[in-house]
Amino acid sequence: QVQLVESGGGLVQAGGSLRLSCAASGRTFSRYHMGWFRQAPGKEREFVAVISRSGGSSPYADSVKGRFTISRDNAKNTVYLQMNSLKPEDTAVYYCAAHSALTLGNYAVPGTYVYWGQGTQVTVSS
């Protein structure tokens, strides 16, 4: 069992930055690829980014590529999402999730993740 707790959300003006953190319980954090998803009101949950167990691979959604950076610190059982040049359309609840497959296949599909955090609200004002 892995418990995930996100933090770092808040209200920011367009063009600003936020850094989200996701702290994991347990000693098996390094076994999981870790992803970030987001869900805006009335919309489906969408993939944002994922990072492999070792940190060597990190695909992004096209909508955030070049603005967001995912990273992880396995010694601290934490994954981060640095969000720069924020836009109003980035407003959503952001979730971190753990993906347990051996490879990063289907990383953009929420159903392939086994553990989820409770989410943190990010609001970007125009």
Protein backbone atom coordinates (compact mmCIF):
# COMPACT_ATOMS: atom_id res chain seq x y z
CA GLN A 1 0.00 0.00 0.00
CA VAL A 2 1.26 3.46 -0.92
CA GLN A 3 -0.27 6.68 0.33
CA LEU A 4 0.25 9.84 -1.68
CA VAL A 5 -0.20 13.39 -0.39
CA GLU A 6 0.00 16.38 -2.73
CA SER A 7 0.81 19.92 -1.67
CA GLY A 8 1.82 23.22 -3.19
CA GLY A 9 -1.34 24.21 -5.00
CA GLY A 10 -2.82 27.68 -4.79
CA LEU A 11 -3.90 30.81 -6.64
CA VAL A 12 -1.45 32.40 -9.06
CA GLN A 13 -1.66 34.97 -11.82
CA ALA A 14 -1.17 34.01 -15.44
CA GLY A 15 2.52 33.81 -16.24
CA GLY A 16 3.39 32.81 -12.70
CA SER A 17 4.86 29.62 -11.28
CA LEU A 18 3.98 26.97 -8.75
CA ARG A 19 5.77 23.86 -7.55
CA LEU A 20 3.67 20.88 -6.57
CA SER A 21 4.99 18.13 -4.34
CA CYS A 22 3.72 14.63 -3.78
CA ALA A 23 5.01 12.76 -0.75
CA ALA A 24 4.70 8.98 -0.67
CA SER A 25 4.57 6.73 2.34
CA GLY A 26 6.39 3.44 2.58
CA ARG A 27 9.75 2.19 1.42
CA THR A 28 8.70 1.09 -2.08
CA PHE A 29 8.46 4.50 -3.75
CA SER A 30 11.33 3.77 -6.13
CA ARG A 31 9.42 0.79 -7.57
CA TYR A 32 6.81 3.05 -9.13
CA HIS A 33 6.72 5.30 -12.11
CA MET A 34 5.04 8.47 -10.88
CA GLY A 35 2.57 10.55 -12.82
CA TRP A 36 0.71 13.82 -12.54
CA PHE A 37 -2.83 14.23 -13.83
CA ARG A 38 -5.29 17.10 -13.64
CA GLN A 39 -9.04 17.49 -13.75
CA ALA A 40 -10.93 20.68 -14.45
CA PRO A 41 -14.63 21.08 -13.57
CA GLY A 42 -16.81 19.25 -16.04
CA LYS A 43 -13.85 17.63 -17.78
CA GLU A 44 -12.21 14.23 -17.70
CA ARG A 45 -9.02 13.62 -15.83
CA GLU A 46 -6.10 14.23 -18.19
CA PHE A 47 -2.49 13.21 -18.21
CA VAL A 48 0.11 15.89 -17.48
CA ALA A 49 3.48 14.14 -17.05
CA VAL A 50 5.11 10.96 -15.83
CA ILE A 51 8.58 10.07 -14.64
CA SER A 52 10.14 6.63 -14.69
CA ARG A 53 11.44 4.85 -11.59
CA SER A 54 14.98 6.06 -12.10
CA GLY A 55 14.01 9.45 -13.44
CA GLY A 56 15.56 8.72 -16.80
CA SER A 57 12.36 9.08 -18.81
CA SER A 58 9.69 11.76 -18.44
CA PRO A 59 7.04 12.16 -21.15
CA TYR A 60 4.75 15.20 -21.06
CA ALA A 61 1.39 16.16 -22.45
CA ASP A 62 1.74 18.50 -25.43
CA SER A 63 -0.23 21.18 -23.59
CA VAL A 64 2.45 21.52 -20.87
CA LYS A 65 5.63 20.61 -22.74
CA GLY A 66 8.28 23.27 -22.29
CA ARG A 67 6.46 24.85 -19.33
CA PHE A 68 6.21 22.04 -16.75
CA THR A 69 9.00 19.88 -15.38
CA ILE A 70 8.53 16.65 -13.45
CA SER A 71 11.25 15.35 -11.16
CA ARG A 72 11.63 12.93 -8.28
CA ASP A 73 13.81 12.37 -5.26
CA ASN A 74 13.73 8.69 -4.34
CA ALA A 75 15.64 9.35 -1.11
CA LYS A 76 12.81 11.64 0.01
CA ASN A 77 9.96 9.55 -1.49
CA THR A 78 8.77 12.67 -3.29
CA VAL A 79 7.82 13.62 -6.83
CA TYR A 80 7.59 17.25 -7.95
CA LEU A 81 5.90 19.20 -10.70
CA GLN A 82 7.43 22.59 -11.44
CA MET A 83 4.90 24.65 -13.36
CA ASN A 84 6.05 27.82 -15.12
CA SER A 85 4.32 30.24 -17.47
CA LEU A 86 0.97 29.20 -16.08
CA LYS A 87 -2.17 29.87 -18.10
CA PRO A 88 -5.81 30.10 -17.01
CA GLU A 89 -6.46 26.82 -18.82
CA ASP A 90 -4.06 25.11 -16.39
CA THR A 91 -6.66 25.63 -13.66
CA ALA A 92 -7.61 22.21 -12.26
CA VAL A 93 -7.22 19.83 -9.39
CA TYR A 94 -3.83 18.17 -9.77
CA TYR A 95 -3.31 14.56 -8.71
CA CYS A 96 -0.22 12.46 -8.39
CA ALA A 97 -0.42 8.74 -9.01
CA ALA A 98 1.75 5.65 -8.89
CA HIS A 99 2.12 3.38 -11.93
CA SER A 100 3.38 -0.09 -11.07
CA ALA A 101 3.93 -1.69 -14.46
CA LEU A 102 7.40 -2.84 -15.47
CA THR A 103 7.39 -0.42 -18.38
CA LEU A 104 5.83 2.99 -19.00
CA GLY A 105 3.24 1.60 -21.35
CA ASN A 106 -0.14 3.39 -21.44
CA TYR A 107 1.22 6.03 -19.09
CA ALA A 108 -1.44 8.54 -20.16
CA VAL A 109 -4.31 6.27 -19.15
CA PRO A 110 -5.55 6.89 -15.58
CA GLY A 111 -6.68 3.28 -15.23
CA THR A 112 -3.09 2.04 -15.36
CA TYR A 113 -2.22 3.78 -12.08
CA VAL A 114 -2.80 1.92 -8.85
CA TYR A 115 -2.50 4.61 -6.18
CA TRP A 116 -3.77 8.20 -6.19
CA GLY A 117 -3.43 11.22 -3.97
CA GLN A 118 -6.35 13.37 -2.87
CA GLY A 119 -5.44 16.22 -5.20
CA THR A 120 -4.41 19.85 -4.81
CA GLN A 121 -6.20 22.81 -6.38
CA VAL A 122 -4.35 25.05 -8.82
CA THR A 123 -6.13 28.22 -9.92
CA VAL A 124 -4.61 30.55 -12.50
CA SER A 125 -6.22 33.96 -12.84
CA SER A 126 -6.08 35.99 -16.03
